[in-house]
Protein backbone atom coordinates (compact mmCIF):
# COMPACT_ATOMS: atom_id res chain seq x y z
CA MET A 1 164.75 160.00 193.29
CA PRO A 2 168.54 159.93 193.78
CA THR A 3 170.01 158.16 196.77
CA LYS A 4 172.65 159.75 198.99
CA ALA A 5 175.75 158.01 200.31
CA LEU A 6 178.46 159.78 202.27
CA GLY A 7 177.05 163.15 201.29
CA GLU A 8 177.19 162.49 197.54
CA THR A 9 174.23 161.80 195.29
CA LEU A 10 174.33 158.38 193.66
CA LYS A 11 173.61 158.22 189.95
CA GLU A 12 172.76 155.21 187.82
CA TYR A 13 175.31 154.16 185.18
CA MET A 14 175.20 151.54 182.44
CA VAL A 15 178.70 150.09 182.10
CA VAL A 16 179.51 147.77 179.18
CA GLY A 17 182.80 145.88 179.02
CA ARG A 18 184.44 142.74 177.74
CA LYS A 19 187.49 140.53 177.99
CA LEU A 20 190.29 141.49 175.58
CA PRO A 21 190.33 139.33 172.42
CA THR A 22 193.16 136.79 172.11
CA GLU A 23 194.32 134.38 169.41
CA LYS A 24 192.45 131.55 171.16
CA GLU A 25 189.30 133.61 171.66
CA PRO A 26 189.00 136.32 168.97
CA VAL A 27 185.32 137.02 169.81
CA THR A 28 184.71 137.62 173.51
CA PRO A 29 181.40 137.97 175.36
CA ILE A 30 180.15 141.44 176.31
CA TRP A 31 178.98 142.14 179.86
CA LYS A 32 176.54 144.91 180.77
CA MET A 33 175.77 146.12 184.30
CA GLN A 34 173.63 148.84 185.84
CA ILE A 35 175.60 150.32 188.73
CA PHE A 36 174.80 153.06 191.24
CA ALA A 37 177.81 155.31 191.88
CA SER A 38 178.63 158.95 192.60
CA ASN A 39 180.64 159.37 189.35
CA HIS A 40 181.74 157.44 186.26
CA VAL A 41 185.17 156.54 187.67
CA ILE A 42 183.63 154.75 190.65
CA ALA A 43 181.08 153.07 188.35
CA LYS A 44 183.90 151.61 186.23
CA SER A 45 185.75 150.51 189.35
CA ARG A 46 182.65 148.73 190.71
CA PHE A 47 182.15 147.08 187.31
CA TRP A 48 185.62 145.54 187.43
CA TYR A 49 185.10 144.50 191.05
CA PHE A 50 181.93 142.56 190.19
CA VAL A 51 183.34 141.11 186.93
CA SER A 52 186.44 139.87 188.74
CA MET A 53 184.23 138.09 191.26
CA LEU A 54 181.74 136.67 188.74
CA ARG A 55 183.86 135.95 185.64
CA ARG A 56 187.46 135.83 186.95
CA VAL A 57 188.66 138.59 184.61
CA LYS A 58 191.01 141.28 185.85
CA LYS A 59 190.99 144.91 184.69
CA ALA A 60 194.32 144.44 182.85
CA LYS A 61 192.79 141.68 180.68
CA GLY A 62 189.61 143.60 179.82
CA GLU A 63 188.28 146.84 178.41
CA ILE A 64 185.35 149.19 179.01
CA LEU A 65 183.29 149.67 175.84
CA SER A 66 180.97 152.36 177.23
CA CYS A 67 179.94 154.02 180.47
CA LYS A 68 176.76 156.09 180.24
CA GLN A 69 174.70 157.77 182.90
CA ILE A 70 171.06 156.66 182.91
CA PHE A 71 168.56 159.40 183.58
CA PRO A 72 165.25 158.39 185.21
CA LYS A 73 162.13 158.46 183.09
CA LYS A 74 159.34 160.79 184.13
CA GLN A 75 156.82 157.95 184.61
CA ALA A 76 155.32 157.57 188.06
CA GLY A 77 154.29 154.15 189.26
CA SER A 78 156.87 152.09 187.37
CA VAL A 79 158.52 149.22 189.21
CA LYS A 80 162.19 148.28 188.87
CA ASN A 81 163.75 145.13 190.23
CA TYR A 82 167.31 145.31 191.55
CA GLY A 83 169.58 142.71 193.06
CA VAL A 84 171.12 143.50 196.44
CA TRP A 85 174.19 141.81 197.85
CA LEU A 86 174.19 141.96 201.63
CA LYS A 87 177.51 141.42 203.42
CA TYR A 88 177.98 141.48 207.17
CA ASP A 89 180.43 140.35 209.84
CA SER A 90 179.32 138.42 212.89
CA ARG A 91 180.99 136.49 215.66
CA THR A 92 181.13 133.39 213.46
CA GLY A 93 182.71 135.14 210.49
CA HIS A 94 181.90 137.00 207.30
CA HIS A 95 178.52 136.31 205.62
CA ASN A 96 177.35 137.05 202.07
CA MET A 97 173.66 136.92 201.29
C-alpha cells in the first residue's frame, strides 16, 4: 500500500548509478538503491544525497544508469526489510540513529 507524505503518494524506485570512469579508474563500482519518493526526479536527488554521504561522490562526478519505478507484487503476507535513518534535534544537539 502506498505511503503518503505531504499530500503526495510515495512510490518505490530502483536507482542505479556509478562514479564516472577516469584514467586512473576505468572500471568503477555500480551502486543500487531502493528509494521511496513522490517522483523520479526526487528519487534521483535522494540517491545522490545518500551516495555523497556514504561514498563521498558528488553528482558532478557521477552518472545515473537507470531509474525505474518498482510496482508491488500481488502477494499477501510477504515481508520486506528496510533500513530507516532516524534524525532528530534535542537540547544537546543533532542525533542520527
